[in-house]
C-alpha cells in the first residue's frame, strides 16, 4: 500500500533540508527522502566560512545536521532511503525506494545534488577504499602523517587539499592546467599552507597497485609527455561533479549535461508539480547559500502550486 504525502523532497543536502523547513512551515507536512549521502557534498567541507550568520568557520556536517533538526522541529518527516524509480507521468506522482517503499505525492522537489566524477582508470573502482578516495573528511584520518595526492583544480580539490594538510605530512595537487579554477580566497589559503604543493600541466595515467592497495601514481606531463612515478598510499579525486538525475531521464527536461531545466528564475520544471532545487539544476554556482535559497524557493513554489490545484 502506498503512503501519500502532499510534498516529497528527494535529497538531504542544504537544498533538500531548506525545502523541508519551508514546506513544513507552510503546513505541507513534507517527507524528506535522504538518499545515501546524508547532508550532501557540503559535509566534505570542514571550514565553511561564507555562510551568512556565522562569524567563525563552521563544519559543513554540523550545518546540515542543524538544518535537519530544524526541518524536523517544524514537522518534516525524514526517511533514510533511496529513490530508485519515479513515475512522474501520472498523478499522484509515484516514487519507489530501495527498501521497497512506495510513496505517492502531489508535488515533488528534486534536490538530489551532484556526485563526484571519476578518472575512469582501470583499477580506480577496485582501489576505492584501498587508497583511492573521493572524500578527504571521510578518509583523511587514515593517512595521518603520510604523503598524499589530490587530483583536480577547482574549489573541491582545494578544499580537499586543505583538509588533508591538517593530518598529512604533505599534500600534492595534480592539475591538468597551469592555474587553479578555485576561488581566489581558497587559492590563497592553499598557497599559504606550507605542506601543500602543486604539479601543473599533468594528468594521472595509472594508479599503481601493490597487494591490493595504492602504492604509487604514474603522472604524465601534458606538455613534455614525460611520465613520472610518485610513491603514495593515498589519492583523493576531486575533478568535478555530475547531476544525480538518471532516474528522471526521459520524464523531465534535462540539459546536455543532465542538469534539470527549470523555468526562468523559477524552480518549476516542464511538469506541473515537479520542482528542481540546488546543485541538481545549477551547474554554475556550487555554494551552500545558493542551494539553500533554491530549496526555499522550490518549497514556496510547491505550496503555491498545491493551493492553485485545490
C-alpha atoms as a PDB file:
ATOM      1  CA  UNK A   1       0.000   0.000   0.000  1.00  0.00           C
ATOM      2  CA  UNK A   2       1.333   3.424  -0.967  1.00  0.00           C
ATOM      3  CA  UNK A   3       1.992   6.140   1.585  1.00  0.00           C
ATOM      4  CA  UNK A   4       0.838   9.560   0.443  1.00  0.00           C
ATOM      5  CA  UNK A   5       2.339  12.967   1.180  1.00  0.00           C
ATOM      6  CA  UNK A   6       1.469  16.388  -0.169  1.00  0.00           C
ATOM      7  CA  UNK A   7       5.129  17.171  -0.765  1.00  0.00           C
ATOM      8  CA  UNK A   8       8.020  14.761  -1.096  1.00  0.00           C
ATOM      9  CA  UNK A   9      11.576  16.097  -1.169  1.00  0.00           C
ATOM     10  CA  UNK A  10      14.263  13.857  -2.634  1.00  0.00           C
ATOM     11  CA  UNK A  11      17.687  14.697  -1.217  1.00  0.00           C
ATOM     12  CA  UNK A  12      19.178  15.744   2.098  1.00  0.00           C
ATOM     13  CA  UNK A  13      21.684  18.468   1.282  1.00  0.00           C
ATOM     14  CA  UNK A  14      21.167  22.166   2.019  1.00  0.00           C
ATOM     15  CA  UNK A  15      18.591  22.434  -0.798  1.00  0.00           C
ATOM     16  CA  UNK A  16      16.606  19.439   0.435  1.00  0.00           C
ATOM     17  CA  UNK A  17      16.594  20.406   4.097  1.00  0.00           C
ATOM     18  CA  UNK A  18      15.841  24.045   3.316  1.00  0.00           C
ATOM     19  CA  UNK A  19      12.917  22.911   1.186  1.00  0.00           C
ATOM     20  CA  UNK A  20      11.810  20.733   4.097  1.00  0.00           C
ATOM     21  CA  UNK A  21      11.916  23.646   6.535  1.00  0.00           C
ATOM     22  CA  UNK A  22       9.832  25.893   4.299  1.00  0.00           C
ATOM     23  CA  UNK A  23       7.371  23.203   3.215  1.00  0.00           C
ATOM     24  CA  UNK A  24       6.837  22.157   6.832  1.00  0.00           C
ATOM     25  CA  UNK A  25       6.288  25.732   7.994  1.00  0.00           C
ATOM     26  CA  UNK A  26       3.791  26.130   5.171  1.00  0.00           C
ATOM     27  CA  UNK A  27       1.815  23.216   6.609  1.00  0.00           C
ATOM     28  CA  UNK A  28       2.542  20.755   3.785  1.00  0.00           C
ATOM     29  CA  UNK A  29       3.875  18.010   6.115  1.00  0.00           C
ATOM     30  CA  UNK A  30       6.710  17.072   3.752  1.00  0.00           C
ATOM     31  CA  UNK A  31       8.591  13.816   3.575  1.00  0.00           C
ATOM     32  CA  UNK A  32      12.352  14.139   3.015  1.00  0.00           C
ATOM     33  CA  UNK A  33      13.917  11.033   1.473  1.00  0.00           C
ATOM     34  CA  UNK A  34      17.581  11.402   2.364  1.00  0.00           C
ATOM     35  CA  UNK A  35      19.371   9.118  -0.081  1.00  0.00           C
ATOM     36  CA  UNK A  36      22.684   7.563   0.964  1.00  0.00           C
ATOM     37  CA  UNK A  37      24.767  10.744   1.103  1.00  0.00           C
ATOM     38  CA  UNK A  38      23.355  12.379   4.217  1.00  0.00           C
ATOM     39  CA  UNK A  39      23.834  16.128   4.130  1.00  0.00           C
ATOM     40  CA  UNK A  40      25.096  16.252   0.564  1.00  0.00           C
ATOM     41  CA  UNK A  41      28.546  17.250  -0.604  1.00  0.00           C
ATOM     42  CA  UNK A  42      28.858  20.163   1.813  1.00  0.00           C
ATOM     43  CA  UNK A  43      29.596  17.620   4.549  1.00  0.00           C
ATOM     44  CA  UNK A  44      33.044  17.344   2.940  1.00  0.00           C
ATOM     45  CA  UNK A  45      33.836  20.960   3.837  1.00  0.00           C
ATOM     46  CA  UNK A  46      35.471  21.341   7.237  1.00  0.00           C
ATOM     47  CA  UNK A  47      35.916  25.117   7.283  1.00  0.00           C
ATOM     48  CA  UNK A  48      32.850  26.748   5.790  1.00  0.00           C
ATOM     49  CA  UNK A  49      33.328  30.466   6.300  1.00  0.00           C
ATOM     50  CA  UNK A  50      30.971  32.185   3.850  1.00  0.00           C
ATOM     51  CA  UNK A  51      27.565  31.001   5.051  1.00  0.00           C
ATOM     52  CA  UNK A  52      25.711  34.085   6.336  1.00  0.00           C
ATOM     53  CA  UNK A  53      25.213  34.375  10.072  1.00  0.00           C
ATOM     54  CA  UNK A  54      28.403  32.651  11.268  1.00  0.00           C
ATOM     55  CA  UNK A  55      31.418  34.801  12.130  1.00  0.00           C
ATOM     56  CA  UNK A  56      33.590  31.737  12.790  1.00  0.00           C
ATOM     57  CA  UNK A  57      34.320  28.843  10.449  1.00  0.00           C
ATOM     58  CA  UNK A  58      31.833  26.003  10.757  1.00  0.00           C
ATOM     59  CA  UNK A  59      31.820  22.390   9.666  1.00  0.00           C
ATOM     60  CA  UNK A  60      29.561  21.502   6.735  1.00  0.00           C
ATOM     61  CA  UNK A  61      28.287  18.406   8.516  1.00  0.00           C
ATOM     62  CA  UNK A  62      27.320  20.489  11.550  1.00  0.00           C
ATOM     63  CA  UNK A  63      25.404  22.927   9.351  1.00  0.00           C
ATOM     64  CA  UNK A  64      23.353  20.240   7.611  1.00  0.00           C
ATOM     65  CA  UNK A  65      22.655  18.491  10.914  1.00  0.00           C
ATOM     66  CA  UNK A  66      21.205  21.745  12.236  1.00  0.00           C
ATOM     67  CA  UNK A  67      19.110  22.110   9.071  1.00  0.00           C
ATOM     68  CA  UNK A  68      17.789  18.596   9.503  1.00  0.00           C
ATOM     69  CA  UNK A  69      16.823  19.217  13.142  1.00  0.00           C
ATOM     70  CA  UNK A  70      15.123  22.447  12.163  1.00  0.00           C
ATOM     71  CA  UNK A  71      13.091  20.701   9.464  1.00  0.00           C
ATOM     72  CA  UNK A  72      12.014  18.024  11.951  1.00  0.00           C
ATOM     73  CA  UNK A  73      11.041  20.625  14.548  1.00  0.00           C
ATOM     74  CA  UNK A  74       8.630  22.178  12.051  1.00  0.00           C
ATOM     75  CA  UNK A  75       7.113  18.790  11.218  1.00  0.00           C
ATOM     76  CA  UNK A  76       9.058  17.337   8.303  1.00  0.00           C
ATOM     77  CA  UNK A  77       9.311  13.545   8.249  1.00  0.00           C
ATOM     78  CA  UNK A  78      12.706  12.009   7.441  1.00  0.00           C
ATOM     79  CA  UNK A  79      13.075   8.718   5.577  1.00  0.00           C
ATOM     80  CA  UNK A  80      16.578   7.224   5.326  1.00  0.00           C
ATOM     81  CA  UNK A  81      16.153   5.510   1.991  1.00  0.00           C
ATOM     82  CA  UNK A  82      16.984   5.973  -1.697  1.00  0.00           C
ATOM     83  CA  UNK A  83      14.538   6.548  -4.534  1.00  0.00           C
ATOM     84  CA  UNK A  84      15.284   4.057  -7.309  1.00  0.00           C
ATOM     85  CA  UNK A  85      12.264   4.625  -9.562  1.00  0.00           C
ATOM     86  CA  UNK A  86       9.995   7.576 -10.238  1.00  0.00           C
ATOM     87  CA  UNK A  87       6.778   7.799 -12.237  1.00  0.00           C
ATOM     88  CA  UNK A  88       6.246  11.477 -12.979  1.00  0.00           C
ATOM     89  CA  UNK A  89       3.819  10.929 -15.859  1.00  0.00           C
ATOM     90  CA  UNK A  90       0.796  10.061 -13.734  1.00  0.00           C
ATOM     91  CA  UNK A  91      -0.860  11.715 -10.758  1.00  0.00           C
ATOM     92  CA  UNK A  92      -0.316  11.424  -7.950  1.00  0.00           C
ATOM     93  CA  UNK A  93       3.394  11.038  -8.653  1.00  0.00           C
ATOM     94  CA  UNK A  94       4.798   7.687  -7.523  1.00  0.00           C
ATOM     95  CA  UNK A  95       8.224   7.004  -6.055  1.00  0.00           C
ATOM     96  CA  UNK A  96       9.694   3.614  -5.212  1.00  0.00           C
ATOM     97  CA  UNK A  97      12.623   3.207  -2.835  1.00  0.00           C
ATOM     98  CA  UNK A  98      15.461   0.786  -2.408  1.00  0.00           C
ATOM     99  CA  UNK A  99      13.872  -0.646   0.737  1.00  0.00           C
ATOM    100  CA  UNK A 100      10.600  -1.407  -1.031  1.00  0.00           C
ATOM    101  CA  UNK A 101       8.559   1.640  -0.017  1.00  0.00           C
ATOM    102  CA  UNK A 102       6.018   3.041  -2.479  1.00  0.00           C
ATOM    103  CA  UNK A 103       5.259   6.695  -1.905  1.00  0.00           C
ATOM    104  CA  UNK A 104       2.841   8.971  -3.732  1.00  0.00           C
ATOM    105  CA  UNK A 105       2.933  12.754  -3.755  1.00  0.00           C
ATOM    106  CA  UNK A 106       1.029  15.743  -5.067  1.00  0.00           C
ATOM    107  CA  UNK A 107       4.289  17.665  -5.524  1.00  0.00           C
ATOM    108  CA  UNK A 108       7.889  16.534  -5.697  1.00  0.00           C
ATOM    109  CA  UNK A 109      11.002  18.616  -5.095  1.00  0.00           C
ATOM    110  CA  UNK A 110      14.100  17.039  -6.612  1.00  0.00           C
ATOM    111  CA  UNK A 111      17.183  18.054  -4.637  1.00  0.00           C
ATOM    112  CA  UNK A 112      19.388  15.070  -5.390  1.00  0.00           C
ATOM    113  CA  UNK A 113      22.506  17.168  -5.933  1.00  0.00           C
ATOM    114  CA  UNK A 114      25.520  16.016  -7.884  1.00  0.00           C
ATOM    115  CA  UNK A 115      28.069  13.211  -7.469  1.00  0.00           C
ATOM    116  CA  UNK A 116      31.831  13.078  -7.835  1.00  0.00           C
ATOM    117  CA  UNK A 117      33.262  12.359 -11.268  1.00  0.00           C
ATOM    118  CA  UNK A 118      35.851   9.611 -11.621  1.00  0.00           C
ATOM    119  CA  UNK A 119      39.097   9.483 -13.581  1.00  0.00           C
ATOM    120  CA  UNK A 120      37.946   6.366 -15.403  1.00  0.00           C
ATOM    121  CA  UNK A 121      41.188   4.497 -14.821  1.00  0.00           C
ATOM    122  CA  UNK A 122      41.046   0.654 -14.976  1.00  0.00           C
ATOM    123  CA  UNK A 123      41.613  -0.109 -11.293  1.00  0.00           C
ATOM    124  CA  UNK A 124      40.124   3.074  -9.835  1.00  0.00           C
ATOM    125  CA  UNK A 125      36.884   1.465  -8.685  1.00  0.00           C
ATOM    126  CA  UNK A 126      38.683  -1.611  -7.339  1.00  0.00           C
ATOM    127  CA  UNK A 127      41.033   0.539  -5.254  1.00  0.00           C
ATOM    128  CA  UNK A 128      38.309   2.793  -3.877  1.00  0.00           C
ATOM    129  CA  UNK A 129      38.577   2.377  -0.131  1.00  0.00           C
ATOM    130  CA  UNK A 130      42.065   0.933  -0.547  1.00  0.00           C
ATOM    131  CA  UNK A 131      43.917   4.171  -1.189  1.00  0.00           C
ATOM    132  CA  UNK A 132      41.541   5.845  -3.628  1.00  0.00           C
ATOM    133  CA  UNK A 133      39.069   8.259  -2.052  1.00  0.00           C
ATOM    134  CA  UNK A 134      36.635  10.984  -3.070  1.00  0.00           C
ATOM    135  CA  UNK A 135      36.191  12.453   0.410  1.00  0.00           C
ATOM    136  CA  UNK A 136      39.021  13.892   2.472  1.00  0.00           C
ATOM    137  CA  UNK A 137      36.890  14.447   5.564  1.00  0.00           C
ATOM    138  CA  UNK A 138      35.763  10.824   5.396  1.00  0.00           C
ATOM    139  CA  UNK A 139      39.138   9.175   4.838  1.00  0.00           C
ATOM    140  CA  UNK A 140      41.876  11.683   5.618  1.00  0.00           C
ATOM    141  CA  UNK A 141      42.309  10.263   9.106  1.00  0.00           C
ATOM    142  CA  UNK A 142      43.650   7.020   7.636  1.00  0.00           C
ATOM    143  CA  UNK A 143      46.574   8.854   6.039  1.00  0.00           C
ATOM    144  CA  UNK A 144      47.806  10.712   9.078  1.00  0.00           C
ATOM    145  CA  UNK A 145      51.455  11.793   8.715  1.00  0.00           C
ATOM    146  CA  UNK A 146      51.654  10.375   5.184  1.00  0.00           C
ATOM    147  CA  UNK A 147      52.178  11.995   1.778  1.00  0.00           C
ATOM    148  CA  UNK A 148      49.042  12.027  -0.376  1.00  0.00           C
ATOM    149  CA  UNK A 149      47.872  13.409  -3.714  1.00  0.00           C
ATOM    150  CA  UNK A 150      44.752  15.299  -4.761  1.00  0.00           C
ATOM    151  CA  UNK A 151      43.576  15.338  -8.377  1.00  0.00           C
ATOM    152  CA  UNK A 152      41.787  18.480  -9.601  1.00  0.00           C
ATOM    153  CA  UNK A 153      42.000  22.243  -9.637  1.00  0.00           C
ATOM    154  CA  UNK A 154      38.644  23.661  -8.599  1.00  0.00           C
ATOM    155  CA  UNK A 155      37.166  24.549  -5.220  1.00  0.00           C
ATOM    156  CA  UNK A 156      36.545  20.920  -4.332  1.00  0.00           C
ATOM    157  CA  UNK A 157      40.167  19.933  -4.933  1.00  0.00           C
ATOM    158  CA  UNK A 158      41.486  22.870  -2.927  1.00  0.00           C
ATOM    159  CA  UNK A 159      39.089  22.137  -0.055  1.00  0.00           C
ATOM    160  CA  UNK A 160      40.192  18.509  -0.043  1.00  0.00           C
ATOM    161  CA  UNK A 161      43.862  19.509  -0.036  1.00  0.00           C
ATOM    162  CA  UNK A 162      43.420  21.989   2.803  1.00  0.00           C
ATOM    163  CA  UNK A 163      41.660  19.432   4.950  1.00  0.00           C
ATOM    164  CA  UNK A 164      44.311  16.808   4.254  1.00  0.00           C
ATOM    165  CA  UNK A 165      47.062  19.297   5.098  1.00  0.00           C
ATOM    166  CA  UNK A 166      45.893  19.224   8.720  1.00  0.00           C
ATOM    167  CA  UNK A 167      46.520  15.491   9.067  1.00  0.00           C
ATOM    168  CA  UNK A 168      49.014  14.533   6.339  1.00  0.00           C
ATOM    169  CA  UNK A 169      52.705  15.358   6.202  1.00  0.00           C
ATOM    170  CA  UNK A 170      52.476  16.577   2.600  1.00  0.00           C
ATOM    171  CA  UNK A 171      49.692  17.146   0.086  1.00  0.00           C
ATOM    172  CA  UNK A 172      50.428  17.442  -3.630  1.00  0.00           C
ATOM    173  CA  UNK A 173      47.737  18.563  -6.044  1.00  0.00           C
ATOM    174  CA  UNK A 174      47.963  17.310  -9.636  1.00  0.00           C
ATOM    175  CA  UNK A 175      46.214  19.595 -12.120  1.00  0.00           C
ATOM    176  CA  UNK A 176      45.951  19.370 -15.886  1.00  0.00           C
ATOM    177  CA  UNK A 177      46.170  23.137 -16.311  1.00  0.00           C
ATOM    178  CA  UNK A 178      48.741  25.735 -15.299  1.00  0.00           C
ATOM    179  CA  UNK A 179      46.370  27.509 -12.923  1.00  0.00           C
ATOM    180  CA  UNK A 180      43.588  26.707 -10.472  1.00  0.00           C
ATOM    181  CA  UNK A 181      39.941  27.470 -11.205  1.00  0.00           C
ATOM    182  CA  UNK A 182      39.133  27.653  -7.481  1.00  0.00           C
ATOM    183  CA  UNK A 183      38.017  30.924  -5.904  1.00  0.00           C
ATOM    184  CA  UNK A 184      40.846  33.333  -5.113  1.00  0.00           C
ATOM    185  CA  UNK A 185      40.316  33.147  -1.357  1.00  0.00           C
ATOM    186  CA  UNK A 186      40.620  29.369  -1.445  1.00  0.00           C
ATOM    187  CA  UNK A 187      43.739  29.567  -3.582  1.00  0.00           C
ATOM    188  CA  UNK A 188      45.285  31.961  -1.079  1.00  0.00           C
ATOM    189  CA  UNK A 189      44.605  29.544   1.777  1.00  0.00           C
ATOM    190  CA  UNK A 190      46.193  26.766  -0.277  1.00  0.00           C
ATOM    191  CA  UNK A 191      49.360  28.642  -1.249  1.00  0.00           C
ATOM    192  CA  UNK A 192      49.754  29.902   2.318  1.00  0.00           C
ATOM    193  CA  UNK A 193      49.787  26.305   3.602  1.00  0.00           C
ATOM    194  CA  UNK A 194      53.419  25.137   3.835  1.00  0.00           C
ATOM    195  CA  UNK A 195      52.825  21.410   3.282  1.00  0.00           C
ATOM    196  CA  UNK A 196      50.747  21.886   0.100  1.00  0.00           C
ATOM    197  CA  UNK A 197      52.346  21.723  -3.364  1.00  0.00           C
ATOM    198  CA  UNK A 198      51.181  21.560  -6.998  1.00  0.00           C
ATOM    199  CA  UNK A 199      52.220  19.633 -10.084  1.00  0.00           C
ATOM    200  CA  UNK A 200      50.926  21.684 -13.021  1.00  0.00           C
ATOM    201  CA  UNK A 201      50.060  20.578 -16.570  1.00  0.00           C
ATOM    202  CA  UNK A 202      49.821  16.934 -15.587  1.00  0.00           C
ATOM    203  CA  UNK A 203      47.385  14.025 -15.594  1.00  0.00           C
ATOM    204  CA  UNK A 204      47.317  10.677 -13.787  1.00  0.00           C
ATOM    205  CA  UNK A 205      47.999   7.894 -16.277  1.00  0.00           C
ATOM    206  CA  UNK A 206      47.906   4.982 -13.859  1.00  0.00           C
ATOM    207  CA  UNK A 207      47.195   4.190 -10.229  1.00  0.00           C
ATOM    208  CA  UNK A 208      49.828   1.637  -9.298  1.00  0.00           C
ATOM    209  CA  UNK A 209      48.589  -1.229  -7.155  1.00  0.00           C
ATOM    210  CA  UNK A 210      50.612  -3.388  -4.784  1.00  0.00           C
ATOM    211  CA  UNK A 211      48.983  -6.132  -2.704  1.00  0.00           C
ATOM    212  CA  UNK A 212      45.522  -4.707  -3.392  1.00  0.00           C
ATOM    213  CA  UNK A 213      46.359  -1.166  -2.289  1.00  0.00           C
ATOM    214  CA  UNK A 214      47.559   2.053  -3.884  1.00  0.00           C
ATOM    215  CA  UNK A 215      51.348   2.222  -3.904  1.00  0.00           C
ATOM    216  CA  UNK A 216      52.138   4.931  -6.479  1.00  0.00           C
ATOM    217  CA  UNK A 217      50.824   7.221  -9.215  1.00  0.00           C
ATOM    218  CA  UNK A 218      52.167   7.464 -12.741  1.00  0.00           C
ATOM    219  CA  UNK A 219      51.818  11.100 -13.768  1.00  0.00           C
ATOM    220  CA  UNK A 220      52.215  12.423 -17.314  1.00  0.00           C
ATOM    221  CA  UNK A 221      53.308  15.962 -18.109  1.00  0.00           C
ATOM    222  CA  UNK A 222      50.904  17.113 -20.825  1.00  0.00           C
ATOM    223  CA  UNK A 223      53.497  19.405 -22.421  1.00  0.00           C
ATOM    224  CA  UNK A 224      56.568  17.179 -22.484  1.00  0.00           C
ATOM    225  CA  UNK A 225      54.928  13.761 -22.427  1.00  0.00           C
ATOM    226  CA  UNK A 226      57.280  12.668 -19.644  1.00  0.00           C
ATOM    227  CA  UNK A 227      55.845  10.147 -17.182  1.00  0.00           C
ATOM    228  CA  UNK A 228      56.994  10.226 -13.557  1.00  0.00           C
ATOM    229  CA  UNK A 229      56.100   7.737 -10.847  1.00  0.00           C
ATOM    230  CA  UNK A 230      55.356   9.107  -7.374  1.00  0.00           C
ATOM    231  CA  UNK A 231      55.092   6.718  -4.427  1.00  0.00           C
ATOM    232  CA  UNK A 232      51.997   7.226  -2.283  1.00  0.00           C
ATOM    233  CA  UNK A 233      49.377   5.303  -0.385  1.00  0.00           C
ATOM    234  CA  UNK A 234      46.579   7.783  -0.933  1.00  0.00           C
ATOM    235  CA  UNK A 235      44.971   9.624  -3.841  1.00  0.00           C
ATOM    236  CA  UNK A 236      41.923  11.855  -3.453  1.00  0.00           C
ATOM    237  CA  UNK A 237      39.992  12.516  -6.670  1.00  0.00           C
ATOM    238  CA  UNK A 238      38.230  15.879  -6.881  1.00  0.00           C
ATOM    239  CA  UNK A 239      37.601  16.636 -10.558  1.00  0.00           C
ATOM    240  CA  UNK A 240      34.031  17.831 -10.506  1.00  0.00           C
ATOM    241  CA  UNK A 241      30.512  16.541 -10.327  1.00  0.00           C
ATOM    242  CA  UNK A 242      27.656  15.166 -12.372  1.00  0.00           C
ATOM    243  CA  UNK A 243      23.965  15.729 -11.512  1.00  0.00           C
ATOM    244  CA  UNK A 244      22.090  12.825  -9.960  1.00  0.00           C
ATOM    245  CA  UNK A 245      19.208  12.782 -12.405  1.00  0.00           C
ATOM    246  CA  UNK A 246      19.434   9.351 -14.038  1.00  0.00           C
ATOM    247  CA  UNK A 247      16.087   8.094 -12.736  1.00  0.00           C
ATOM    248  CA  UNK A 248      14.308  11.204 -14.022  1.00  0.00           C
ATOM    249  CA  UNK A 249      15.649  10.985 -17.581  1.00  0.00           C
ATOM    250  CA  UNK A 250      13.023  10.888 -20.328  1.00  0.00           C
ATOM    251  CA  UNK A 251      10.446  12.263 -17.887  1.00  0.00           C
ATOM    252  CA  UNK A 252      11.516  15.827 -17.150  1.00  0.00           C
ATOM    253  CA  UNK A 253      13.599  18.117 -19.322  1.00  0.00           C
ATOM    254  CA  UNK A 254      17.355  17.916 -18.705  1.00  0.00           C
ATOM    255  CA  UNK A 255      20.157  19.827 -20.383  1.00  0.00           C
ATOM    256  CA  UNK A 256      23.012  18.167 -22.261  1.00  0.00           C
ATOM    257  CA  UNK A 257      24.969  17.637 -19.037  1.00  0.00           C
ATOM    258  CA  UNK A 258      21.994  16.101 -17.242  1.00  0.00           C
ATOM    259  CA  UNK A 259      21.023  19.096 -15.093  1.00  0.00           C
ATOM    260  CA  UNK A 260      17.313  19.761 -14.596  1.00  0.00           C
ATOM    261  CA  UNK A 261      15.916  22.522 -16.772  1.00  0.00           C
ATOM    262  CA  UNK A 262      13.629  24.904 -14.913  1.00  0.00           C
ATOM    263  CA  UNK A 263      11.546  27.855 -15.992  1.00  0.00           C
ATOM    264  CA  UNK A 264      13.344  31.245 -15.982  1.00  0.00           C
ATOM    265  CA  UNK A 265      14.059  32.429 -12.433  1.00  0.00           C
ATOM    266  CA  UNK A 266      11.977  29.567 -11.018  1.00  0.00           C
ATOM    267  CA  UNK A 267      12.370  26.002  -9.744  1.00  0.00           C
ATOM    268  CA  UNK A 268       9.365  24.698 -11.701  1.00  0.00           C
ATOM    269  CA  UNK A 269      10.138  22.108 -14.373  1.00  0.00           C
ATOM    270  CA  UNK A 270       8.252  21.278 -17.549  1.00  0.00           C
ATOM    271  CA  UNK A 271       5.912  19.082 -15.449  1.00  0.00           C
ATOM    272  CA  UNK A 272       3.478  20.907 -13.182  1.00  0.00           C
ATOM    273  CA  UNK A 273       4.124  19.857  -9.587  1.00  0.00           C
ATOM    274  CA  UNK A 274       7.750  18.824 -10.128  1.00  0.00           C
ATOM    275  CA  UNK A 275      10.457  21.202  -8.957  1.00  0.00           C
ATOM    276  CA  UNK A 276      14.250  21.176  -9.073  1.00  0.00           C
ATOM    277  CA  UNK A 277      16.398  22.686  -6.329  1.00  0.00           C
ATOM    278  CA  UNK A 278      20.080  23.143  -5.610  1.00  0.00           C
ATOM    279  CA  UNK A 279      23.035  21.704  -7.490  1.00  0.00           C
ATOM    280  CA  UNK A 280      20.849  19.317  -9.479  1.00  0.00           C
ATOM    281  CA  UNK A 281      19.616  22.308 -11.522  1.00  0.00           C
ATOM    282  CA  UNK A 282      22.546  24.667 -11.115  1.00  0.00           C
ATOM    283  CA  UNK A 283      25.827  23.802 -12.859  1.00  0.00           C
ATOM    284  CA  UNK A 284      27.383  27.208 -12.225  1.00  0.00           C
ATOM    285  CA  UNK A 285      27.354  28.213  -8.564  1.00  0.00           C
ATOM    286  CA  UNK A 286      28.280  25.447  -6.128  1.00  0.00           C
ATOM    287  CA  UNK A 287      27.542  27.430  -2.988  1.00  0.00           C
ATOM    288  CA  UNK A 288      25.636  26.340   0.110  1.00  0.00           C
ATOM    289  CA  UNK A 289      23.733  29.599   0.452  1.00  0.00           C
ATOM    290  CA  UNK A 290      22.546  29.361  -3.163  1.00  0.00           C
ATOM    291  CA  UNK A 291      21.451  25.748  -2.764  1.00  0.00           C
ATOM    292  CA  UNK A 292      19.605  26.567   0.462  1.00  0.00           C
ATOM    293  CA  UNK A 293      17.860  29.541  -1.149  1.00  0.00           C
ATOM    294  CA  UNK A 294      16.907  27.362  -4.101  1.00  0.00           C
ATOM    295  CA  UNK A 295      15.345  24.806  -1.760  1.00  0.00           C
ATOM    296  CA  UNK A 296      13.331  27.511  -0.010  1.00  0.00           C
ATOM    297  CA  UNK A 297      12.113  28.843  -3.353  1.00  0.00           C
ATOM    298  CA  UNK A 298      11.128  25.372  -4.554  1.00  0.00           C
ATOM    299  CA  UNK A 299       9.068  24.806  -1.405  1.00  0.00           C
ATOM    300  CA  UNK A 300       7.311  28.142  -1.807  1.00  0.00           C
ATOM    301  CA  UNK A 301       6.547  27.351  -5.443  1.00  0.00           C
ATOM    302  CA  UNK A 302       5.252  23.916  -4.432  1.00  0.00           C
ATOM    303  CA  UNK A 303       2.935  25.449  -1.845  1.00  0.00           C
ATOM    304  CA  UNK A 304       1.585  27.892  -4.418  1.00  0.00           C
ATOM    305  CA  UNK A 305       1.061  25.018  -6.856  1.00  0.00           C
ATOM    306  CA  UNK A 306      -0.830  22.944  -4.270  1.00  0.00           C
ATOM    307  CA  UNK A 307      -3.106  25.848  -3.369  1.00  0.00           C
ATOM    308  CA  UNK A 308      -3.894  26.522  -7.014  1.00  0.00           C
ATOM    309  CA  UNK A 309      -4.654  22.832  -7.593  1.00  0.00           C
ATOM    310  CA  UNK A 310      -7.360  22.600  -4.941  1.00  0.00           C
END
